[in-house]
């Protein structure tokens, strides 16, 4: 993609206004990058990409509405020349591989530095062939690749997820396990991160597919 004689045009898609503003400031200050649009959801990202045809879409994984697995292919359809840089809190190489296979050019965790983000955007725009991708995860994220599915979650996390699969609310799970509701929420956040999940249902489906918890149905809840 040719972008050497003009600023790289970027759309930022994230549902947090302060985060979008912060990324805009970082990219604008870097020089050679122009933020031409913002989006607050997957649907909005696709609409903005179709309208603006940016060089790069910086895309958050977890936003309201359609999921990232639907958003990525739609972005590729409505603006085929746009490169997609995923910027997410999920430090998970398995999720990274999945999203890269769906058309993302780069996958960065939100703990990355501003230099890494700017470099990823510039590198994504340079046409290095379909096999060139950018991956930035921690060593901890890489270590999970060698773990068996049952080792990914702790025993308590498996309990919480099994009850979630039974359609219990956070407060019901807290009562069942005799723990605080805030502790349930913390376990769920850890589960999402470890499984690369973006919602309760996504986490349950991934865990069932990996045989971390047994196949169940909401009516089976005790």
C-alpha atoms as a PDB file:
ATOM      1  CA  UNK A   1       0.000   0.000   0.000  1.00  0.00           C
ATOM      2  CA  UNK A   2       1.473   3.384  -0.939  1.00  0.00           C
ATOM      3  CA  UNK A   3       1.577   5.800   1.960  1.00  0.00           C
ATOM      4  CA  UNK A   4       5.072   7.285   1.822  1.00  0.00           C
ATOM      5  CA  UNK A   5       4.104  10.651   0.253  1.00  0.00           C
ATOM      6  CA  UNK A   6       1.245  11.528   2.573  1.00  0.00           C
ATOM      7  CA  UNK A   7       0.105  10.998   6.129  1.00  0.00           C
ATOM      8  CA  UNK A   8      -1.230   7.576   7.055  1.00  0.00           C
ATOM      9  CA  UNK A   9      -5.000   7.938   7.493  1.00  0.00           C
ATOM     10  CA  UNK A  10      -6.321   6.149  10.586  1.00  0.00           C
ATOM     11  CA  UNK A  11      -9.740   5.368  12.067  1.00  0.00           C
ATOM     12  CA  UNK A  12      -9.771   4.517  15.786  1.00  0.00           C
ATOM     13  CA  UNK A  13     -12.494   2.129  16.975  1.00  0.00           C
ATOM     14  CA  UNK A  14     -12.959   1.828  20.742  1.00  0.00           C
ATOM     15  CA  UNK A  15     -16.011   2.298  22.929  1.00  0.00           C
ATOM     16  CA  UNK A  16     -14.147   4.436  25.500  1.00  0.00           C
ATOM     17  CA  UNK A  17     -13.999   8.113  24.534  1.00  0.00           C
ATOM     18  CA  UNK A  18     -10.999   8.922  26.730  1.00  0.00           C
ATOM     19  CA  UNK A  19      -9.041   6.035  25.231  1.00  0.00           C
ATOM     20  CA  UNK A  20      -9.826   7.191  21.673  1.00  0.00           C
ATOM     21  CA  UNK A  21      -8.758  10.711  22.565  1.00  0.00           C
ATOM     22  CA  UNK A  22      -5.519   9.441  24.094  1.00  0.00           C
ATOM     23  CA  UNK A  23      -4.649   7.341  21.048  1.00  0.00           C
ATOM     24  CA  UNK A  24      -5.488  10.280  18.780  1.00  0.00           C
ATOM     25  CA  UNK A  25      -3.048  12.488  20.687  1.00  0.00           C
ATOM     26  CA  UNK A  26      -0.303   9.860  20.523  1.00  0.00           C
ATOM     27  CA  UNK A  27      -0.699   9.259  16.791  1.00  0.00           C
ATOM     28  CA  UNK A  28      -1.037  12.928  15.885  1.00  0.00           C
ATOM     29  CA  UNK A  29       2.073  13.822  17.892  1.00  0.00           C
ATOM     30  CA  UNK A  30       4.082  11.062  16.203  1.00  0.00           C
ATOM     31  CA  UNK A  31       3.996  12.817  12.835  1.00  0.00           C
ATOM     32  CA  UNK A  32       3.051  11.214   9.543  1.00  0.00           C
ATOM     33  CA  UNK A  33      -0.282   9.909  10.877  1.00  0.00           C
ATOM     34  CA  UNK A  34      -3.676  11.608  10.592  1.00  0.00           C
ATOM     35  CA  UNK A  35      -6.698  10.396  12.561  1.00  0.00           C
ATOM     36  CA  UNK A  36      -9.580  10.880  10.135  1.00  0.00           C
ATOM     37  CA  UNK A  37     -12.369   9.225  12.103  1.00  0.00           C
ATOM     38  CA  UNK A  38     -13.483   7.542  15.306  1.00  0.00           C
ATOM     39  CA  UNK A  39     -15.921   4.704  15.983  1.00  0.00           C
ATOM     40  CA  UNK A  40     -17.527   3.407  19.168  1.00  0.00           C
ATOM     41  CA  UNK A  41     -18.689  -0.040  18.024  1.00  0.00           C
ATOM     42  CA  UNK A  42     -17.999  -2.728  15.465  1.00  0.00           C
ATOM     43  CA  UNK A  43     -20.878  -1.593  13.278  1.00  0.00           C
ATOM     44  CA  UNK A  44     -19.716   2.006  13.512  1.00  0.00           C
ATOM     45  CA  UNK A  45     -16.153   0.954  12.598  1.00  0.00           C
ATOM     46  CA  UNK A  46     -17.416  -0.747   9.451  1.00  0.00           C
ATOM     47  CA  UNK A  47     -19.523   2.280   8.503  1.00  0.00           C
ATOM     48  CA  UNK A  48     -16.607   4.671   9.000  1.00  0.00           C
ATOM     49  CA  UNK A  49     -14.249   2.415   7.047  1.00  0.00           C
ATOM     50  CA  UNK A  50     -16.709   2.166   4.161  1.00  0.00           C
ATOM     51  CA  UNK A  51     -17.054   5.964   4.126  1.00  0.00           C
ATOM     52  CA  UNK A  52     -13.429   6.978   4.633  1.00  0.00           C
ATOM     53  CA  UNK A  53     -11.370   4.035   3.329  1.00  0.00           C
ATOM     54  CA  UNK A  54      -8.542   4.696   5.790  1.00  0.00           C
ATOM     55  CA  UNK A  55      -5.083   3.199   5.498  1.00  0.00           C
ATOM     56  CA  UNK A  56      -5.438   1.671   8.977  1.00  0.00           C
ATOM     57  CA  UNK A  57      -8.248   0.845  11.409  1.00  0.00           C
ATOM     58  CA  UNK A  58      -7.101   0.579  15.034  1.00  0.00           C
ATOM     59  CA  UNK A  59      -9.673  -1.855  16.411  1.00  0.00           C
ATOM     60  CA  UNK A  60     -10.573  -2.777  19.983  1.00  0.00           C
ATOM     61  CA  UNK A  61     -11.678  -6.383  20.521  1.00  0.00           C
ATOM     62  CA  UNK A  62     -14.452  -5.839  23.047  1.00  0.00           C
ATOM     63  CA  UNK A  63     -17.071  -3.278  22.024  1.00  0.00           C
ATOM     64  CA  UNK A  64     -20.893  -3.176  22.160  1.00  0.00           C
ATOM     65  CA  UNK A  65     -22.854  -4.783  19.347  1.00  0.00           C
ATOM     66  CA  UNK A  66     -21.387  -7.180  16.833  1.00  0.00           C
ATOM     67  CA  UNK A  67     -18.334  -9.141  17.918  1.00  0.00           C
ATOM     68  CA  UNK A  68     -14.804  -8.752  16.592  1.00  0.00           C
ATOM     69  CA  UNK A  69     -15.068 -12.032  14.660  1.00  0.00           C
ATOM     70  CA  UNK A  70     -17.864 -10.487  12.595  1.00  0.00           C
ATOM     71  CA  UNK A  71     -16.332  -7.020  12.440  1.00  0.00           C
ATOM     72  CA  UNK A  72     -12.969  -8.094  10.990  1.00  0.00           C
ATOM     73  CA  UNK A  73     -14.329  -9.824   7.859  1.00  0.00           C
ATOM     74  CA  UNK A  74     -16.808  -6.978   7.304  1.00  0.00           C
ATOM     75  CA  UNK A  75     -14.022  -4.415   7.493  1.00  0.00           C
ATOM     76  CA  UNK A  76     -12.070  -6.399   4.918  1.00  0.00           C
ATOM     77  CA  UNK A  77     -15.111  -6.407   2.614  1.00  0.00           C
ATOM     78  CA  UNK A  78     -16.090  -2.731   2.892  1.00  0.00           C
ATOM     79  CA  UNK A  79     -12.526  -1.384   2.723  1.00  0.00           C
ATOM     80  CA  UNK A  80     -10.197  -4.065   1.322  1.00  0.00           C
ATOM     81  CA  UNK A  81      -7.119  -1.828   1.244  1.00  0.00           C
ATOM     82  CA  UNK A  82      -7.384  -0.867   4.905  1.00  0.00           C
ATOM     83  CA  UNK A  83      -5.007  -2.595   7.289  1.00  0.00           C
ATOM     84  CA  UNK A  84      -6.416  -3.567  10.695  1.00  0.00           C
ATOM     85  CA  UNK A  85      -4.369  -3.163  13.866  1.00  0.00           C
ATOM     86  CA  UNK A  86      -6.027  -4.899  16.813  1.00  0.00           C
ATOM     87  CA  UNK A  87      -5.330  -3.168  20.138  1.00  0.00           C
ATOM     88  CA  UNK A  88      -6.737  -5.121  23.075  1.00  0.00           C
ATOM     89  CA  UNK A  89      -6.480  -5.942  26.758  1.00  0.00           C
ATOM     90  CA  UNK A  90      -6.484  -9.680  25.922  1.00  0.00           C
ATOM     91  CA  UNK A  91      -2.907 -10.940  26.234  1.00  0.00           C
ATOM     92  CA  UNK A  92      -3.583 -14.196  24.452  1.00  0.00           C
ATOM     93  CA  UNK A  93      -1.642 -15.616  21.526  1.00  0.00           C
ATOM     94  CA  UNK A  94      -4.448 -18.059  20.654  1.00  0.00           C
ATOM     95  CA  UNK A  95      -6.916 -15.195  20.178  1.00  0.00           C
ATOM     96  CA  UNK A  96      -4.205 -13.292  18.315  1.00  0.00           C
ATOM     97  CA  UNK A  97      -3.744 -16.142  15.850  1.00  0.00           C
ATOM     98  CA  UNK A  98      -7.495 -16.337  15.272  1.00  0.00           C
ATOM     99  CA  UNK A  99      -7.864 -12.606  14.598  1.00  0.00           C
ATOM    100  CA  UNK A 100      -4.780 -12.499  12.382  1.00  0.00           C
ATOM    101  CA  UNK A 101      -6.280 -15.363  10.379  1.00  0.00           C
ATOM    102  CA  UNK A 102      -9.480 -13.297   9.985  1.00  0.00           C
ATOM    103  CA  UNK A 103      -7.589 -10.443   8.371  1.00  0.00           C
ATOM    104  CA  UNK A 104      -5.889  -8.376  11.077  1.00  0.00           C
ATOM    105  CA  UNK A 105      -2.405  -7.175  10.167  1.00  0.00           C
ATOM    106  CA  UNK A 106      -1.267  -6.604  13.748  1.00  0.00           C
ATOM    107  CA  UNK A 107      -2.245  -7.654  17.274  1.00  0.00           C
ATOM    108  CA  UNK A 108      -1.050  -5.515  20.182  1.00  0.00           C
ATOM    109  CA  UNK A 109      -1.951  -5.667  23.863  1.00  0.00           C
ATOM    110  CA  UNK A 110      -2.892  -2.365  25.508  1.00  0.00           C
ATOM    111  CA  UNK A 111       0.228  -2.610  27.648  1.00  0.00           C
ATOM    112  CA  UNK A 112       2.298  -1.891  24.529  1.00  0.00           C
ATOM    113  CA  UNK A 113       4.240   1.358  24.343  1.00  0.00           C
ATOM    114  CA  UNK A 114       3.290   4.301  22.125  1.00  0.00           C
ATOM    115  CA  UNK A 115       6.386   3.558  20.044  1.00  0.00           C
ATOM    116  CA  UNK A 116       5.186  -0.018  19.451  1.00  0.00           C
ATOM    117  CA  UNK A 117       1.744   1.224  18.371  1.00  0.00           C
ATOM    118  CA  UNK A 118       3.139   3.818  15.986  1.00  0.00           C
ATOM    119  CA  UNK A 119       5.621   1.296  14.568  1.00  0.00           C
ATOM    120  CA  UNK A 120       2.862  -1.290  14.098  1.00  0.00           C
ATOM    121  CA  UNK A 121       0.756   1.198  12.139  1.00  0.00           C
ATOM    122  CA  UNK A 122       3.646   2.154   9.883  1.00  0.00           C
ATOM    123  CA  UNK A 123       4.643  -1.500   9.395  1.00  0.00           C
ATOM    124  CA  UNK A 124       1.076  -2.549   8.610  1.00  0.00           C
ATOM    125  CA  UNK A 125       0.864   0.013   5.827  1.00  0.00           C
ATOM    126  CA  UNK A 126       4.060  -1.159   4.159  1.00  0.00           C
ATOM    127  CA  UNK A 127       3.065  -3.939   1.759  1.00  0.00           C
ATOM    128  CA  UNK A 128       5.239  -6.886   2.755  1.00  0.00           C
ATOM    129  CA  UNK A 129       2.993  -9.561   1.397  1.00  0.00           C
ATOM    130  CA  UNK A 130       0.114 -11.536   2.920  1.00  0.00           C
ATOM    131  CA  UNK A 131       2.410 -13.475   5.249  1.00  0.00           C
ATOM    132  CA  UNK A 132       3.621 -10.401   7.148  1.00  0.00           C
ATOM    133  CA  UNK A 133       1.894  -9.819  10.495  1.00  0.00           C
ATOM    134  CA  UNK A 134       2.816  -8.013  13.724  1.00  0.00           C
ATOM    135  CA  UNK A 135       2.280  -9.736  17.063  1.00  0.00           C
ATOM    136  CA  UNK A 136       2.894  -8.187  20.471  1.00  0.00           C
ATOM    137  CA  UNK A 137       1.982 -10.323  23.492  1.00  0.00           C
ATOM    138  CA  UNK A 138       3.779 -11.000  26.758  1.00  0.00           C
ATOM    139  CA  UNK A 139       5.858 -14.062  27.563  1.00  0.00           C
ATOM    140  CA  UNK A 140       3.000 -15.139  29.814  1.00  0.00           C
ATOM    141  CA  UNK A 141       0.672 -15.056  26.829  1.00  0.00           C
ATOM    142  CA  UNK A 142       3.110 -17.136  24.786  1.00  0.00           C
ATOM    143  CA  UNK A 143       3.537 -19.641  27.614  1.00  0.00           C
ATOM    144  CA  UNK A 144      -0.168 -20.477  27.476  1.00  0.00           C
ATOM    145  CA  UNK A 145       0.298 -22.041  24.041  1.00  0.00           C
ATOM    146  CA  UNK A 146       2.056 -25.022  25.617  1.00  0.00           C
ATOM    147  CA  UNK A 147      -0.548 -25.471  28.339  1.00  0.00           C
ATOM    148  CA  UNK A 148      -3.238 -28.107  28.065  1.00  0.00           C
ATOM    149  CA  UNK A 149      -6.788 -26.698  28.118  1.00  0.00           C
ATOM    150  CA  UNK A 150      -7.371 -27.908  31.672  1.00  0.00           C
ATOM    151  CA  UNK A 151      -4.297 -26.049  32.940  1.00  0.00           C
ATOM    152  CA  UNK A 152      -5.380 -22.667  31.607  1.00  0.00           C
ATOM    153  CA  UNK A 153      -8.007 -22.035  34.293  1.00  0.00           C
ATOM    154  CA  UNK A 154      -7.698 -22.542  38.047  1.00  0.00           C
ATOM    155  CA  UNK A 155     -10.080 -24.882  39.845  1.00  0.00           C
ATOM    156  CA  UNK A 156     -12.083 -21.930  41.181  1.00  0.00           C
ATOM    157  CA  UNK A 157     -12.257 -20.331  37.734  1.00  0.00           C
ATOM    158  CA  UNK A 158     -13.604 -23.588  36.308  1.00  0.00           C
ATOM    159  CA  UNK A 159     -16.251 -23.631  39.045  1.00  0.00           C
ATOM    160  CA  UNK A 160     -17.286 -20.070  38.256  1.00  0.00           C
ATOM    161  CA  UNK A 161     -17.425 -20.767  34.531  1.00  0.00           C
ATOM    162  CA  UNK A 162     -19.424 -23.970  34.998  1.00  0.00           C
ATOM    163  CA  UNK A 163     -22.027 -22.050  36.999  1.00  0.00           C
ATOM    164  CA  UNK A 164     -21.997 -19.297  34.388  1.00  0.00           C
ATOM    165  CA  UNK A 165     -22.743 -21.971  31.788  1.00  0.00           C
ATOM    166  CA  UNK A 166     -25.746 -22.910  33.910  1.00  0.00           C
ATOM    167  CA  UNK A 167     -27.138 -19.375  33.392  1.00  0.00           C
ATOM    168  CA  UNK A 168     -26.520 -18.249  36.975  1.00  0.00           C
ATOM    169  CA  UNK A 169     -25.995 -14.536  37.594  1.00  0.00           C
ATOM    170  CA  UNK A 170     -22.921 -13.175  39.352  1.00  0.00           C
ATOM    171  CA  UNK A 171     -24.865 -12.779  42.596  1.00  0.00           C
ATOM    172  CA  UNK A 172     -26.177 -16.359  42.364  1.00  0.00           C
ATOM    173  CA  UNK A 173     -22.678 -17.688  41.720  1.00  0.00           C
ATOM    174  CA  UNK A 174     -21.375 -15.695  44.689  1.00  0.00           C
ATOM    175  CA  UNK A 175     -23.998 -17.216  46.982  1.00  0.00           C
ATOM    176  CA  UNK A 176     -23.411 -20.727  45.634  1.00  0.00           C
ATOM    177  CA  UNK A 177     -19.636 -20.512  46.215  1.00  0.00           C
ATOM    178  CA  UNK A 178     -19.846 -18.383  49.384  1.00  0.00           C
ATOM    179  CA  UNK A 179     -17.679 -15.640  47.920  1.00  0.00           C
ATOM    180  CA  UNK A 180     -18.193 -11.931  47.250  1.00  0.00           C
ATOM    181  CA  UNK A 181     -19.835 -10.857  43.999  1.00  0.00           C
ATOM    182  CA  UNK A 182     -16.795  -8.701  43.283  1.00  0.00           C
ATOM    183  CA  UNK A 183     -14.658 -11.846  43.486  1.00  0.00           C
ATOM    184  CA  UNK A 184     -16.878 -13.513  40.899  1.00  0.00           C
ATOM    185  CA  UNK A 185     -16.403 -10.540  38.569  1.00  0.00           C
ATOM    186  CA  UNK A 186     -12.624 -10.721  39.065  1.00  0.00           C
ATOM    187  CA  UNK A 187     -12.631 -14.449  38.248  1.00  0.00           C
ATOM    188  CA  UNK A 188     -14.654 -13.757  35.096  1.00  0.00           C
ATOM    189  CA  UNK A 189     -12.224 -11.052  33.976  1.00  0.00           C
ATOM    190  CA  UNK A 190      -9.348 -13.483  34.443  1.00  0.00           C
ATOM    191  CA  UNK A 191     -11.265 -16.160  32.528  1.00  0.00           C
ATOM    192  CA  UNK A 192     -11.907 -13.792  29.602  1.00  0.00           C
ATOM    193  CA  UNK A 193      -8.227 -12.900  29.439  1.00  0.00           C
ATOM    194  CA  UNK A 194      -7.000 -16.499  29.664  1.00  0.00           C
ATOM    195  CA  UNK A 195      -9.444 -17.810  27.063  1.00  0.00           C
ATOM    196  CA  UNK A 196      -9.305 -14.774  24.783  1.00  0.00           C
ATOM    197  CA  UNK A 197     -13.061 -14.426  25.241  1.00  0.00           C
ATOM    198  CA  UNK A 198     -15.071 -11.242  24.782  1.00  0.00           C
ATOM    199  CA  UNK A 199     -18.287 -12.179  26.623  1.00  0.00           C
ATOM    200  CA  UNK A 200     -19.781 -14.700  29.072  1.00  0.00           C
ATOM    201  CA  UNK A 201     -21.225 -16.794  26.246  1.00  0.00           C
ATOM    202  CA  UNK A 202     -17.986 -16.673  24.301  1.00  0.00           C
ATOM    203  CA  UNK A 203     -16.059 -17.871  27.365  1.00  0.00           C
ATOM    204  CA  UNK A 204     -18.524 -20.697  27.971  1.00  0.00           C
ATOM    205  CA  UNK A 205     -18.432 -21.814  24.332  1.00  0.00           C
ATOM    206  CA  UNK A 206     -14.628 -21.761  24.233  1.00  0.00           C
ATOM    207  CA  UNK A 207     -14.381 -23.701  27.491  1.00  0.00           C
ATOM    208  CA  UNK A 208     -16.853 -26.339  26.313  1.00  0.00           C
ATOM    209  CA  UNK A 209     -15.091 -26.690  22.975  1.00  0.00           C
ATOM    210  CA  UNK A 210     -11.794 -27.238  24.814  1.00  0.00           C
ATOM    211  CA  UNK A 211     -13.437 -29.657  27.304  1.00  0.00           C
ATOM    212  CA  UNK A 212     -12.499 -27.383  30.206  1.00  0.00           C
ATOM    213  CA  UNK A 213     -16.090 -27.618  31.448  1.00  0.00           C
ATOM    214  CA  UNK A 214     -18.682 -30.204  30.418  1.00  0.00           C
ATOM    215  CA  UNK A 215     -21.248 -29.547  27.735  1.00  0.00           C
ATOM    216  CA  UNK A 216     -24.379 -28.285  29.424  1.00  0.00           C
ATOM    217  CA  UNK A 217     -27.587 -26.363  28.888  1.00  0.00           C
ATOM    218  CA  UNK A 218     -29.127 -23.604  30.976  1.00  0.00           C
ATOM    219  CA  UNK A 219     -31.956 -25.956  31.954  1.00  0.00           C
ATOM    220  CA  UNK A 220     -29.358 -28.283  33.468  1.00  0.00           C
ATOM    221  CA  UNK A 221     -28.434 -25.716  36.111  1.00  0.00           C
ATOM    222  CA  UNK A 222     -28.762 -27.221  39.615  1.00  0.00           C
END
